[in-house]
N, C-alpha and C. Protein backbone atom coordinates (compact mmCIF):
# COMPACT_ATOMS: atom_id res chain seq x y z
N MET A 1 21.10 -22.83 1.55
CA MET A 1 20.33 -22.25 0.47
C MET A 1 18.90 -22.80 0.47
N PHE A 2 18.77 -24.13 0.60
CA PHE A 2 17.45 -24.73 0.58
C PHE A 2 16.64 -24.33 1.81
N ASP A 3 17.33 -24.10 2.93
CA ASP A 3 16.63 -23.66 4.13
C ASP A 3 15.96 -22.31 3.90
N LYS A 4 16.66 -21.42 3.21
CA LYS A 4 16.10 -20.09 2.95
C LYS A 4 14.95 -20.17 1.95
N LEU A 5 15.07 -21.04 0.97
CA LEU A 5 13.97 -21.23 0.01
C LEU A 5 12.75 -21.83 0.72
N PHE A 6 12.99 -22.79 1.59
CA PHE A 6 11.90 -23.40 2.36
C PHE A 6 11.24 -22.35 3.25
N ALA A 7 12.06 -21.50 3.87
CA ALA A 7 11.53 -20.44 4.71
C ALA A 7 10.68 -19.47 3.90
N ALA A 8 11.11 -19.17 2.68
CA ALA A 8 10.35 -18.28 1.80
C ALA A 8 9.02 -18.91 1.42
N GLN A 9 9.04 -20.21 1.17
CA GLN A 9 7.79 -20.92 0.84
C GLN A 9 6.84 -20.91 2.04
N GLN A 10 7.38 -21.11 3.22
CA GLN A 10 6.55 -21.08 4.42
C GLN A 10 5.96 -19.69 4.63
N LYS A 11 6.75 -18.67 4.36
CA LYS A 11 6.29 -17.28 4.50
C LYS A 11 5.12 -17.02 3.55
N ALA A 12 5.23 -17.52 2.33
CA ALA A 12 4.16 -17.35 1.35
C ALA A 12 2.87 -18.03 1.83
N GLU A 13 3.00 -19.19 2.42
CA GLU A 13 1.83 -19.90 2.96
C GLU A 13 1.21 -19.12 4.12
N GLU A 14 2.06 -18.53 4.95
CA GLU A 14 1.57 -17.72 6.07
C GLU A 14 0.78 -16.51 5.55
N ILE A 15 1.30 -15.90 4.49
CA ILE A 15 0.62 -14.75 3.91
C ILE A 15 -0.75 -15.16 3.38
N LYS A 16 -0.79 -16.30 2.69
CA LYS A 16 -2.06 -16.78 2.14
C LYS A 16 -3.07 -17.00 3.26
N LYS A 17 -2.64 -17.60 4.35
CA LYS A 17 -3.54 -17.81 5.48
C LYS A 17 -3.99 -16.49 6.08
N ARG A 18 -3.07 -15.54 6.19
CA ARG A 18 -3.42 -14.22 6.73
C ARG A 18 -4.42 -13.52 5.82
N LEU A 19 -4.23 -13.62 4.51
CA LEU A 19 -5.15 -12.98 3.57
C LEU A 19 -6.56 -13.55 3.69
N ASP A 20 -6.66 -14.81 4.08
CA ASP A 20 -7.98 -15.41 4.30
C ASP A 20 -8.71 -14.79 5.49
N THR A 21 -7.97 -14.16 6.38
CA THR A 21 -8.59 -13.57 7.58
C THR A 21 -8.89 -12.08 7.42
N ILE A 22 -8.48 -11.50 6.29
CA ILE A 22 -8.70 -10.07 6.06
C ILE A 22 -9.95 -9.92 5.19
N SER A 23 -10.90 -9.13 5.67
CA SER A 23 -12.11 -8.86 4.90
C SER A 23 -11.97 -7.54 4.16
N VAL A 24 -12.46 -7.55 2.93
CA VAL A 24 -12.53 -6.34 2.12
C VAL A 24 -13.98 -6.20 1.65
N PHE A 25 -14.33 -5.00 1.20
CA PHE A 25 -15.72 -4.74 0.87
C PHE A 25 -15.85 -3.99 -0.44
N GLY A 26 -16.98 -4.16 -1.07
CA GLY A 26 -17.36 -3.37 -2.23
C GLY A 26 -18.83 -3.04 -2.06
N GLU A 27 -19.17 -1.78 -2.28
CA GLU A 27 -20.58 -1.42 -2.15
C GLU A 27 -20.95 -0.39 -3.20
N VAL A 28 -22.24 -0.37 -3.49
CA VAL A 28 -22.80 0.58 -4.45
C VAL A 28 -24.10 1.14 -3.89
N GLU A 29 -24.55 2.23 -4.52
CA GLU A 29 -25.81 2.85 -4.14
C GLU A 29 -25.87 3.17 -2.65
N ASN A 30 -24.81 3.82 -2.17
CA ASN A 30 -24.73 4.22 -0.75
C ASN A 30 -24.95 3.05 0.21
N GLY A 31 -24.40 1.91 -0.15
CA GLY A 31 -24.47 0.75 0.73
C GLY A 31 -25.69 -0.12 0.54
N ALA A 32 -26.51 0.16 -0.46
CA ALA A 32 -27.70 -0.67 -0.70
C ALA A 32 -27.30 -2.09 -1.08
N ILE A 33 -26.16 -2.23 -1.74
CA ILE A 33 -25.60 -3.55 -2.05
C ILE A 33 -24.19 -3.56 -1.50
N LYS A 34 -23.91 -4.56 -0.66
CA LYS A 34 -22.58 -4.70 -0.05
C LYS A 34 -22.06 -6.11 -0.31
N ILE A 35 -20.84 -6.16 -0.78
CA ILE A 35 -20.16 -7.44 -1.03
C ILE A 35 -18.98 -7.53 -0.07
N THR A 36 -18.84 -8.67 0.57
CA THR A 36 -17.71 -8.93 1.45
C THR A 36 -16.88 -10.05 0.82
N ALA A 37 -15.56 -9.88 0.87
CA ALA A 37 -14.66 -10.89 0.32
C ALA A 37 -13.43 -10.98 1.21
N THR A 38 -12.66 -12.04 1.04
CA THR A 38 -11.36 -12.12 1.70
C THR A 38 -10.34 -11.46 0.80
N ALA A 39 -9.18 -11.15 1.35
CA ALA A 39 -8.10 -10.59 0.55
C ALA A 39 -7.55 -11.62 -0.43
N ASN A 40 -7.97 -12.88 -0.29
CA ASN A 40 -7.62 -13.92 -1.26
C ASN A 40 -8.66 -14.03 -2.37
N LYS A 41 -9.55 -13.04 -2.43
CA LYS A 41 -10.54 -12.90 -3.51
C LYS A 41 -11.63 -13.96 -3.48
N ALA A 42 -12.03 -14.38 -2.29
CA ALA A 42 -13.17 -15.28 -2.14
C ALA A 42 -14.34 -14.46 -1.61
N ILE A 43 -15.43 -14.46 -2.34
CA ILE A 43 -16.63 -13.73 -1.90
C ILE A 43 -17.22 -14.48 -0.71
N THR A 44 -17.43 -13.75 0.39
CA THR A 44 -17.95 -14.38 1.61
C THR A 44 -19.32 -13.86 2.02
N GLY A 45 -19.77 -12.79 1.39
CA GLY A 45 -21.08 -12.28 1.76
C GLY A 45 -21.65 -11.33 0.74
N VAL A 46 -22.98 -11.36 0.62
CA VAL A 46 -23.71 -10.45 -0.25
C VAL A 46 -24.89 -9.93 0.57
N ALA A 47 -25.01 -8.62 0.67
CA ALA A 47 -26.14 -8.03 1.40
C ALA A 47 -26.83 -7.02 0.49
N ILE A 48 -28.14 -7.16 0.37
CA ILE A 48 -28.93 -6.24 -0.44
C ILE A 48 -30.03 -5.68 0.43
N ASP A 49 -30.09 -4.38 0.51
CA ASP A 49 -31.10 -3.70 1.29
C ASP A 49 -32.50 -4.06 0.77
N ASP A 50 -33.40 -4.44 1.67
CA ASP A 50 -34.76 -4.87 1.29
C ASP A 50 -35.51 -3.79 0.52
N GLU A 51 -35.44 -2.57 1.00
CA GLU A 51 -36.16 -1.47 0.35
C GLU A 51 -35.62 -1.22 -1.06
N PHE A 52 -34.30 -1.27 -1.19
CA PHE A 52 -33.68 -1.10 -2.50
C PHE A 52 -34.13 -2.22 -3.44
N LEU A 53 -34.17 -3.43 -2.93
CA LEU A 53 -34.55 -4.59 -3.74
C LEU A 53 -35.98 -4.46 -4.27
N LYS A 54 -36.87 -3.92 -3.46
CA LYS A 54 -38.27 -3.73 -3.87
C LYS A 54 -38.41 -2.75 -5.02
N ASN A 55 -37.48 -1.78 -5.07
CA ASN A 55 -37.62 -0.68 -6.02
C ASN A 55 -36.66 -0.75 -7.21
N THR A 56 -36.07 -1.89 -7.46
CA THR A 56 -35.15 -2.00 -8.59
C THR A 56 -35.56 -3.16 -9.49
N ASP A 57 -35.10 -3.12 -10.71
CA ASP A 57 -35.41 -4.22 -11.62
C ASP A 57 -34.22 -5.17 -11.71
N LYS A 58 -34.45 -6.31 -12.31
CA LYS A 58 -33.45 -7.37 -12.38
C LYS A 58 -32.18 -6.90 -13.08
N GLU A 59 -32.33 -6.22 -14.20
CA GLU A 59 -31.15 -5.77 -14.96
C GLU A 59 -30.29 -4.82 -14.15
N ALA A 60 -30.93 -3.86 -13.50
CA ALA A 60 -30.18 -2.90 -12.69
C ALA A 60 -29.49 -3.61 -11.53
N LEU A 61 -30.19 -4.54 -10.90
CA LEU A 61 -29.62 -5.29 -9.79
C LEU A 61 -28.39 -6.08 -10.24
N GLU A 62 -28.49 -6.75 -11.36
CA GLU A 62 -27.36 -7.53 -11.87
C GLU A 62 -26.16 -6.63 -12.16
N GLU A 63 -26.40 -5.49 -12.78
CA GLU A 63 -25.31 -4.57 -13.11
C GLU A 63 -24.65 -4.03 -11.84
N LEU A 64 -25.47 -3.67 -10.86
CA LEU A 64 -24.93 -3.14 -9.61
C LEU A 64 -24.19 -4.22 -8.82
N LEU A 65 -24.69 -5.45 -8.86
CA LEU A 65 -23.98 -6.56 -8.20
C LEU A 65 -22.59 -6.74 -8.81
N LEU A 66 -22.52 -6.71 -10.12
CA LEU A 66 -21.21 -6.84 -10.78
C LEU A 66 -20.27 -5.72 -10.37
N THR A 67 -20.79 -4.52 -10.31
CA THR A 67 -19.95 -3.38 -9.91
C THR A 67 -19.45 -3.56 -8.49
N ALA A 68 -20.34 -3.94 -7.58
CA ALA A 68 -19.95 -4.13 -6.17
C ALA A 68 -18.94 -5.27 -6.02
N ILE A 69 -19.16 -6.35 -6.74
CA ILE A 69 -18.24 -7.48 -6.68
C ILE A 69 -16.86 -7.07 -7.20
N ASN A 70 -16.84 -6.37 -8.32
CA ASN A 70 -15.56 -5.93 -8.88
C ASN A 70 -14.84 -4.96 -7.94
N LYS A 71 -15.58 -4.11 -7.25
CA LYS A 71 -14.96 -3.22 -6.26
C LYS A 71 -14.33 -4.03 -5.13
N ALA A 72 -15.06 -5.03 -4.64
CA ALA A 72 -14.53 -5.87 -3.56
C ALA A 72 -13.27 -6.61 -4.01
N LEU A 73 -13.30 -7.15 -5.22
CA LEU A 73 -12.14 -7.88 -5.73
C LEU A 73 -10.96 -6.95 -5.98
N ALA A 74 -11.22 -5.73 -6.41
CA ALA A 74 -10.14 -4.76 -6.60
C ALA A 74 -9.51 -4.41 -5.24
N ASN A 75 -10.34 -4.26 -4.22
CA ASN A 75 -9.81 -4.00 -2.88
C ASN A 75 -9.00 -5.19 -2.39
N ALA A 76 -9.47 -6.40 -2.68
CA ALA A 76 -8.73 -7.60 -2.29
C ALA A 76 -7.37 -7.63 -2.99
N GLU A 77 -7.35 -7.27 -4.25
CA GLU A 77 -6.09 -7.26 -5.00
C GLU A 77 -5.10 -6.26 -4.40
N GLU A 78 -5.60 -5.10 -4.00
CA GLU A 78 -4.74 -4.08 -3.38
C GLU A 78 -4.11 -4.60 -2.10
N VAL A 79 -4.93 -5.18 -1.24
CA VAL A 79 -4.43 -5.70 0.04
C VAL A 79 -3.43 -6.83 -0.21
N SER A 80 -3.78 -7.74 -1.12
CA SER A 80 -2.91 -8.86 -1.43
C SER A 80 -1.56 -8.38 -1.97
N ALA A 81 -1.60 -7.42 -2.89
CA ALA A 81 -0.35 -6.91 -3.48
C ALA A 81 0.51 -6.25 -2.41
N THR A 82 -0.10 -5.51 -1.52
CA THR A 82 0.63 -4.84 -0.45
C THR A 82 1.30 -5.88 0.46
N GLU A 83 0.54 -6.90 0.83
CA GLU A 83 1.09 -7.96 1.69
C GLU A 83 2.23 -8.70 0.98
N MET A 84 2.04 -9.02 -0.27
CA MET A 84 3.06 -9.76 -1.02
C MET A 84 4.32 -8.91 -1.21
N GLN A 85 4.14 -7.63 -1.47
CA GLN A 85 5.29 -6.74 -1.66
C GLN A 85 6.10 -6.64 -0.38
N ALA A 86 5.42 -6.49 0.75
CA ALA A 86 6.13 -6.41 2.02
C ALA A 86 6.87 -7.71 2.30
N SER A 87 6.22 -8.81 2.01
CA SER A 87 6.85 -10.11 2.24
C SER A 87 8.03 -10.33 1.30
N ALA A 88 7.88 -9.92 0.06
CA ALA A 88 8.97 -10.09 -0.90
C ALA A 88 10.20 -9.31 -0.46
N GLN A 89 9.99 -8.12 0.05
CA GLN A 89 11.11 -7.33 0.53
C GLN A 89 11.80 -8.03 1.70
N ASP A 90 11.01 -8.61 2.60
CA ASP A 90 11.58 -9.36 3.71
C ASP A 90 12.37 -10.57 3.20
N MET A 91 11.78 -11.30 2.25
CA MET A 91 12.43 -12.50 1.73
C MET A 91 13.71 -12.15 0.97
N LEU A 92 13.64 -11.11 0.16
CA LEU A 92 14.83 -10.72 -0.60
C LEU A 92 15.96 -10.29 0.32
N GLY A 93 15.61 -9.64 1.39
CA GLY A 93 16.63 -9.27 2.37
C GLY A 93 17.27 -10.51 2.96
N GLY A 94 16.47 -11.53 3.23
CA GLY A 94 16.98 -12.77 3.79
C GLY A 94 17.72 -13.61 2.77
N LEU A 95 17.34 -13.52 1.50
CA LEU A 95 18.00 -14.31 0.47
C LEU A 95 19.33 -13.71 0.04
N GLY A 96 19.55 -12.43 0.38
CA GLY A 96 20.80 -11.79 -0.01
C GLY A 96 22.01 -12.57 0.48
N GLY A 97 21.91 -13.20 1.62
CA GLY A 97 23.01 -13.98 2.16
C GLY A 97 23.34 -15.20 1.34
N MET A 98 22.40 -15.69 0.54
CA MET A 98 22.64 -16.85 -0.31
C MET A 98 23.64 -16.53 -1.41
N PHE A 99 23.70 -15.27 -1.79
CA PHE A 99 24.54 -14.88 -2.90
C PHE A 99 25.75 -14.07 -2.47
N GLY A 100 26.10 -14.20 -1.22
CA GLY A 100 27.29 -13.56 -0.72
C GLY A 100 27.16 -12.06 -0.52
N GLN A 101 25.92 -11.57 -0.44
CA GLN A 101 25.70 -10.13 -0.26
C GLN A 101 25.49 -9.81 1.19
């Protein structure tokens, strides 16, 4: 029983490491602002088009940055949930033997 629980814990750690290697993106204004994040929801990059930056004000930039960041984090959540769901199904299949199933 403990072996299967330990294996499940190891699987969760593997997923976390894999999510660190998956990049997701959020962008606004046809790519004028691009946010890159990992599927573990860590922001890894911010790119703002120079021409766009010259022609926008601080308030608009801040609002668009928030929108792009939230899009990237929502994409990260989707990927993470998909990975966790697939892993949970694998683990539950393996844990069935613990309960005589």
